[in-house]
Amino acid sequence: MSATEIIKEIDRLPVEDQKEIFVFLTKKVISAEVPSKRWLGKKLSFEEACDVVFRENRELLSALSK
């Protein structure tokens, strides 16, 4: 099954099930090894935090945008 087919199947699920999948995918992405976490322990501005979120979760955000 392709990623596109999986996404279509997810779209057909009830909202609660979609949320469960989102949480699962988010945990997968967060737990993936990230080469550099220079931001850890620092206070970031909103813009800096957005950059981190979008940079480190590019694949998830791409999948969700389809």
PDB file of N, CA and C in Angstrom:
ATOM      1  N   MET A   1       0.847  -1.166   0.000  1.00  0.00           N
ATOM      2  CA  MET A   1       0.000   0.000   0.000  1.00  0.00           C
ATOM      3  C   MET A   1       0.897   1.236   0.000  1.00  0.00           C
ATOM      4  N   SER A   2       0.582   2.195  -0.841  1.00  0.00           N
ATOM      5  CA  SER A   2       1.396   3.409  -0.935  1.00  0.00           C
ATOM      6  C   SER A   2       1.014   4.404   0.159  1.00  0.00           C
ATOM      7  N   ALA A   3       1.869   5.392   0.358  1.00  0.00           N
ATOM      8  CA  ALA A   3       1.591   6.435   1.348  1.00  0.00           C
ATOM      9  C   ALA A   3       0.312   7.185   0.982  1.00  0.00           C
ATOM     10  N   THR A   4       0.104   7.421  -0.288  1.00  0.00           N
ATOM     11  CA  THR A   4      -1.110   8.116  -0.737  1.00  0.00           C
ATOM     12  C   THR A   4      -2.355   7.323  -0.378  1.00  0.00           C
ATOM     13  N   GLU A   5      -2.302   6.013  -0.572  1.00  0.00           N
ATOM     14  CA  GLU A   5      -3.440   5.156  -0.215  1.00  0.00           C
ATOM     15  C   GLU A   5      -3.688   5.171   1.295  1.00  0.00           C
ATOM     16  N   ILE A   6      -2.614   5.158   2.059  1.00  0.00           N
ATOM     17  CA  ILE A   6      -2.743   5.188   3.512  1.00  0.00           C
ATOM     18  C   ILE A   6      -3.371   6.505   3.960  1.00  0.00           C
ATOM     19  N   ILE A   7      -2.924   7.602   3.386  1.00  0.00           N
ATOM     20  CA  ILE A   7      -3.475   8.915   3.725  1.00  0.00           C
ATOM     21  C   ILE A   7      -4.957   8.976   3.402  1.00  0.00           C
ATOM     22  N   LYS A   8      -5.346   8.422   2.265  1.00  0.00           N
ATOM     23  CA  LYS A   8      -6.770   8.394   1.902  1.00  0.00           C
ATOM     24  C   LYS A   8      -7.577   7.584   2.915  1.00  0.00           C
ATOM     25  N   GLU A   9      -6.992   6.473   3.370  1.00  0.00           N
ATOM     26  CA  GLU A   9      -7.667   5.657   4.380  1.00  0.00           C
ATOM     27  C   GLU A   9      -7.806   6.419   5.697  1.00  0.00           C
ATOM     28  N   ILE A  10      -6.757   7.129   6.071  1.00  0.00           N
ATOM     29  CA  ILE A  10      -6.802   7.927   7.296  1.00  0.00           C
ATOM     30  C   ILE A  10      -7.891   8.992   7.195  1.00  0.00           C
ATOM     31  N   ASP A  11      -8.007   9.616   6.029  1.00  0.00           N
ATOM     32  CA  ASP A  11      -9.042  10.642   5.819  1.00  0.00           C
ATOM     33  C   ASP A  11     -10.451  10.090   6.022  1.00  0.00           C
ATOM     34  N   ARG A  12     -10.629   8.806   5.792  1.00  0.00           N
ATOM     35  CA  ARG A  12     -11.955   8.190   5.932  1.00  0.00           C
ATOM     36  C   ARG A  12     -12.298   7.838   7.383  1.00  0.00           C
ATOM     37  N   LEU A  13     -11.308   7.861   8.246  1.00  0.00           N
ATOM     38  CA  LEU A  13     -11.508   7.481   9.647  1.00  0.00           C
ATOM     39  C   LEU A  13     -12.224   8.574  10.434  1.00  0.00           C
ATOM     40  N   PRO A  14     -12.860   8.188  11.533  1.00  0.00           N
ATOM     41  CA  PRO A  14     -13.454   9.191  12.422  1.00  0.00           C
ATOM     42  C   PRO A  14     -12.353  10.103  12.993  1.00  0.00           C
ATOM     43  N   VAL A  15     -12.735  11.302  13.380  1.00  0.00           N
ATOM     44  CA  VAL A  15     -11.778  12.296  13.867  1.00  0.00           C
ATOM     45  C   VAL A  15     -10.955  11.770  15.042  1.00  0.00           C
ATOM     46  N   GLU A  16     -11.575  11.069  15.953  1.00  0.00           N
ATOM     47  CA  GLU A  16     -10.838  10.548  17.113  1.00  0.00           C
ATOM     48  C   GLU A  16      -9.736   9.583  16.695  1.00  0.00           C
ATOM     49  N   ASP A  17     -10.016   8.743  15.717  1.00  0.00           N
ATOM     50  CA  ASP A  17      -8.998   7.815  15.217  1.00  0.00           C
ATOM     51  C   ASP A  17      -7.884   8.570  14.502  1.00  0.00           C
ATOM     52  N   GLN A  18      -8.248   9.624  13.773  1.00  0.00           N
ATOM     53  CA  GLN A  18      -7.239  10.447  13.105  1.00  0.00           C
ATOM     54  C   GLN A  18      -6.317  11.103  14.137  1.00  0.00           C
ATOM     55  N   LYS A  19      -6.902  11.560  15.242  1.00  0.00           N
ATOM     56  CA  LYS A  19      -6.094  12.166  16.306  1.00  0.00           C
ATOM     57  C   LYS A  19      -5.114  11.151  16.878  1.00  0.00           C
ATOM     58  N   GLU A  20      -5.582   9.930  17.062  1.00  0.00           N
ATOM     59  CA  GLU A  20      -4.709   8.880  17.590  1.00  0.00           C
ATOM     60  C   GLU A  20      -3.533   8.626  16.650  1.00  0.00           C
ATOM     61  N   ILE A  21      -3.800   8.606  15.366  1.00  0.00           N
ATOM     62  CA  ILE A  21      -2.736   8.416  14.374  1.00  0.00           C
ATOM     63  C   ILE A  21      -1.770   9.592  14.399  1.00  0.00           C
ATOM     64  N   PHE A  22      -2.309  10.813  14.519  1.00  0.00           N
ATOM     65  CA  PHE A  22      -1.467  12.003  14.571  1.00  0.00           C
ATOM     66  C   PHE A  22      -0.517  11.934  15.764  1.00  0.00           C
ATOM     67  N   VAL A  23      -1.029  11.539  16.916  1.00  0.00           N
ATOM     68  CA  VAL A  23      -0.199  11.427  18.118  1.00  0.00           C
ATOM     69  C   VAL A  23       0.885  10.377  17.896  1.00  0.00           C
ATOM     70  N   PHE A  24       0.511   9.251  17.321  1.00  0.00           N
ATOM     71  CA  PHE A  24       1.481   8.190  17.041  1.00  0.00           C
ATOM     72  C   PHE A  24       2.594   8.699  16.118  1.00  0.00           C
ATOM     73  N   LEU A  25       2.209   9.358  15.027  1.00  0.00           N
ATOM     74  CA  LEU A  25       3.201   9.857  14.074  1.00  0.00           C
ATOM     75  C   LEU A  25       4.080  10.934  14.687  1.00  0.00           C
ATOM     76  N   THR A  26       3.487  11.788  15.486  1.00  0.00           N
ATOM     77  CA  THR A  26       4.256  12.840  16.147  1.00  0.00           C
ATOM     78  C   THR A  26       5.312  12.241  17.058  1.00  0.00           C
ATOM     79  N   LYS A  27       4.931  11.224  17.824  1.00  0.00           N
ATOM     80  CA  LYS A  27       5.894  10.557  18.708  1.00  0.00           C
ATOM     81  C   LYS A  27       7.012   9.906  17.903  1.00  0.00           C
ATOM     82  N   LYS A  28       6.662   9.318  16.765  1.00  0.00           N
ATOM     83  CA  LYS A  28       7.675   8.684  15.903  1.00  0.00           C
ATOM     84  C   LYS A  28       8.683   9.718  15.422  1.00  0.00           C
ATOM     85  N   VAL A  29       8.180  10.850  14.978  1.00  0.00           N
ATOM     86  CA  VAL A  29       9.062  11.893  14.448  1.00  0.00           C
ATOM     87  C   VAL A  29       9.930  12.469  15.560  1.00  0.00           C
ATOM     88  N   ILE A  30       9.327  12.721  16.710  1.00  0.00           N
ATOM     89  CA  ILE A  30      10.077  13.304  17.822  1.00  0.00           C
ATOM     90  C   ILE A  30      11.149  12.340  18.321  1.00  0.00           C
ATOM     91  N   SER A  31      10.829  11.059  18.341  1.00  0.00           N
ATOM     92  CA  SER A  31      11.789  10.085  18.852  1.00  0.00           C
ATOM     93  C   SER A  31      12.879   9.737  17.841  1.00  0.00           C
ATOM     94  N   ALA A  32      12.671  10.127  16.582  1.00  0.00           N
ATOM     95  CA  ALA A  32      13.700   9.861  15.570  1.00  0.00           C
ATOM     96  C   ALA A  32      14.961  10.640  15.935  1.00  0.00           C
ATOM     97  N   GLU A  33      16.071  10.063  15.649  1.00  0.00           N
ATOM     98  CA  GLU A  33      17.332  10.723  15.982  1.00  0.00           C
ATOM     99  C   GLU A  33      17.484  11.994  15.168  1.00  0.00           C
ATOM    100  N   VAL A  34      17.696  13.089  15.865  1.00  0.00           N
ATOM    101  CA  VAL A  34      17.894  14.389  15.225  1.00  0.00           C
ATOM    102  C   VAL A  34      19.371  14.738  15.344  1.00  0.00           C
ATOM    103  N   PRO A  35      20.016  15.078  14.208  1.00  0.00           N
ATOM    104  CA  PRO A  35      21.455  15.329  14.235  1.00  0.00           C
ATOM    105  C   PRO A  35      21.888  16.413  15.225  1.00  0.00           C
ATOM    106  N   SER A  36      21.124  17.472  15.340  1.00  0.00           N
ATOM    107  CA  SER A  36      21.534  18.573  16.205  1.00  0.00           C
ATOM    108  C   SER A  36      20.335  19.129  16.944  1.00  0.00           C
ATOM    109  N   LYS A  37      20.444  19.158  18.241  1.00  0.00           N
ATOM    110  CA  LYS A  37      19.377  19.743  19.055  1.00  0.00           C
ATOM    111  C   LYS A  37      19.969  20.907  19.828  1.00  0.00           C
ATOM    112  N   ARG A  38      20.547  21.858  19.117  1.00  0.00           N
ATOM    113  CA  ARG A  38      21.185  23.003  19.752  1.00  0.00           C
ATOM    114  C   ARG A  38      20.183  23.853  20.516  1.00  0.00           C
ATOM    115  N   TRP A  39      18.911  23.685  20.235  1.00  0.00           N
ATOM    116  CA  TRP A  39      17.872  24.488  20.869  1.00  0.00           C
ATOM    117  C   TRP A  39      17.485  23.974  22.245  1.00  0.00           C
ATOM    118  N   LEU A  40      17.883  22.739  22.587  1.00  0.00           N
ATOM    119  CA  LEU A  40      17.501  22.167  23.877  1.00  0.00           C
ATOM    120  C   LEU A  40      18.038  23.017  25.032  1.00  0.00           C
ATOM    121  N   GLY A  41      17.189  23.296  25.995  1.00  0.00           N
ATOM    122  CA  GLY A  41      17.578  24.055  27.161  1.00  0.00           C
ATOM    123  C   GLY A  41      17.615  25.553  26.959  1.00  0.00           C
ATOM    124  N   LYS A  42      17.220  26.008  25.779  1.00  0.00           N
ATOM    125  CA  LYS A  42      17.228  27.437  25.493  1.00  0.00           C
ATOM    126  C   LYS A  42      15.805  27.968  25.431  1.00  0.00           C
ATOM    127  N   LYS A  43      15.655  29.218  25.781  1.00  0.00           N
ATOM    128  CA  LYS A  43      14.369  29.878  25.603  1.00  0.00           C
ATOM    129  C   LYS A  43      14.360  30.432  24.184  1.00  0.00           C
ATOM    130  N   LEU A  44      13.368  30.009  23.420  1.00  0.00           N
ATOM    131  CA  LEU A  44      13.277  30.432  22.028  1.00  0.00           C
ATOM    132  C   LEU A  44      12.137  31.414  21.847  1.00  0.00           C
ATOM    133  N   SER A  45      12.325  32.320  20.898  1.00  0.00           N
ATOM    134  CA  SER A  45      11.216  33.196  20.526  1.00  0.00           C
ATOM    135  C   SER A  45      10.208  32.355  19.749  1.00  0.00           C
ATOM    136  N   PHE A  46       9.031  32.896  19.545  1.00  0.00           N
ATOM    137  CA  PHE A  46       8.013  32.185  18.778  1.00  0.00           C
ATOM    138  C   PHE A  46       8.542  31.815  17.398  1.00  0.00           C
ATOM    139  N   GLU A  47       9.195  32.769  16.735  1.00  0.00           N
ATOM    140  CA  GLU A  47       9.724  32.531  15.385  1.00  0.00           C
ATOM    141  C   GLU A  47      10.782  31.434  15.393  1.00  0.00           C
ATOM    142  N   GLU A  48      11.666  31.471  16.390  1.00  0.00           N
ATOM    143  CA  GLU A  48      12.700  30.436  16.487  1.00  0.00           C
ATOM    144  C   GLU A  48      12.085  29.064  16.745  1.00  0.00           C
ATOM    145  N   ALA A  49      11.069  29.028  17.609  1.00  0.00           N
ATOM    146  CA  ALA A  49      10.389  27.762  17.904  1.00  0.00           C
ATOM    147  C   ALA A  49       9.707  27.214  16.656  1.00  0.00           C
ATOM    148  N   CYS A  50       9.071  28.096  15.887  1.00  0.00           N
ATOM    149  CA  CYS A  50       8.431  27.665  14.631  1.00  0.00           C
ATOM    150  C   CYS A  50       9.460  27.074  13.681  1.00  0.00           C
ATOM    151  N   ASP A  51      10.612  27.710  13.577  1.00  0.00           N
ATOM    152  CA  ASP A  51      11.673  27.186  12.711  1.00  0.00           C
ATOM    153  C   ASP A  51      12.074  25.781  13.135  1.00  0.00           C
ATOM    154  N   VAL A  52      12.224  25.560  14.429  1.00  0.00           N
ATOM    155  CA  VAL A  52      12.600  24.238  14.943  1.00  0.00           C
ATOM    156  C   VAL A  52      11.520  23.219  14.603  1.00  0.00           C
ATOM    157  N   VAL A  53      10.260  23.560  14.888  1.00  0.00           N
ATOM    158  CA  VAL A  53       9.151  22.634  14.649  1.00  0.00           C
ATOM    159  C   VAL A  53       9.078  22.263  13.178  1.00  0.00           C
ATOM    160  N   PHE A  54       9.114  23.250  12.294  1.00  0.00           N
ATOM    161  CA  PHE A  54       8.985  22.960  10.869  1.00  0.00           C
ATOM    162  C   PHE A  54      10.216  22.247  10.321  1.00  0.00           C
ATOM    163  N   ARG A  55      11.393  22.578  10.821  1.00  0.00           N
ATOM    164  CA  ARG A  55      12.614  21.934  10.331  1.00  0.00           C
ATOM    165  C   ARG A  55      12.669  20.473  10.764  1.00  0.00           C
ATOM    166  N   GLU A  56      12.314  20.185  12.019  1.00  0.00           N
ATOM    167  CA  GLU A  56      12.462  18.841  12.546  1.00  0.00           C
ATOM    168  C   GLU A  56      11.268  17.930  12.263  1.00  0.00           C
ATOM    169  N   ASN A  57      10.204  18.468  11.749  1.00  0.00           N
ATOM    170  CA  ASN A  57       9.012  17.669  11.470  1.00  0.00           C
ATOM    171  C   ASN A  57       8.567  17.810  10.020  1.00  0.00           C
ATOM    172  N   ARG A  58       9.513  18.030   9.148  1.00  0.00           N
ATOM    173  CA  ARG A  58       9.215  18.280   7.730  1.00  0.00           C
ATOM    174  C   ARG A  58       8.409  17.148   7.096  1.00  0.00           C
ATOM    175  N   GLU A  59       8.795  15.899   7.360  1.00  0.00           N
ATOM    176  CA  GLU A  59       8.101  14.769   6.742  1.00  0.00           C
ATOM    177  C   GLU A  59       6.657  14.668   7.223  1.00  0.00           C
ATOM    178  N   LEU A  60       6.452  14.829   8.514  1.00  0.00           N
ATOM    179  CA  LEU A  60       5.108  14.761   9.072  1.00  0.00           C
ATOM    180  C   LEU A  60       4.247  15.895   8.537  1.00  0.00           C
ATOM    181  N   LEU A  61       4.776  17.089   8.517  1.00  0.00           N
ATOM    182  CA  LEU A  61       4.018  18.232   8.028  1.00  0.00           C
ATOM    183  C   LEU A  61       3.690  18.063   6.546  1.00  0.00           C
ATOM    184  N   SER A  62       4.619  17.507   5.800  1.00  0.00           N
ATOM    185  CA  SER A  62       4.378  17.255   4.381  1.00  0.00           C
ATOM    186  C   SER A  62       3.245  16.254   4.193  1.00  0.00           C
ATOM    187  N   ALA A  63       3.270  15.197   4.988  1.00  0.00           N
ATOM    188  CA  ALA A  63       2.222  14.175   4.886  1.00  0.00           C
ATOM    189  C   ALA A  63       0.867  14.744   5.285  1.00  0.00           C
ATOM    190  N   LEU A  64       0.837  15.577   6.304  1.00  0.00           N
ATOM    191  CA  LEU A  64      -0.412  16.146   6.764  1.00  0.00           C
ATOM    192  C   LEU A  64      -0.977  17.175   5.795  1.00  0.00           C
ATOM    193  N   SER A  65      -0.117  17.782   5.007  1.00  0.00           N
ATOM    194  CA  SER A  65      -0.589  18.820   4.084  1.00  0.00           C
ATOM    195  C   SER A  65      -1.252  18.242   2.832  1.00  0.00           C
ATOM    196  N   LYS A  66      -1.106  16.944   2.625  1.00  0.00           N
ATOM    197  CA  LYS A  66      -1.657  16.342   1.397  1.00  0.00           C
ATOM    198  C   LYS A  66      -3.131  16.098   1.515  1.00  0.00           C
TER     199      LYS A  66
END
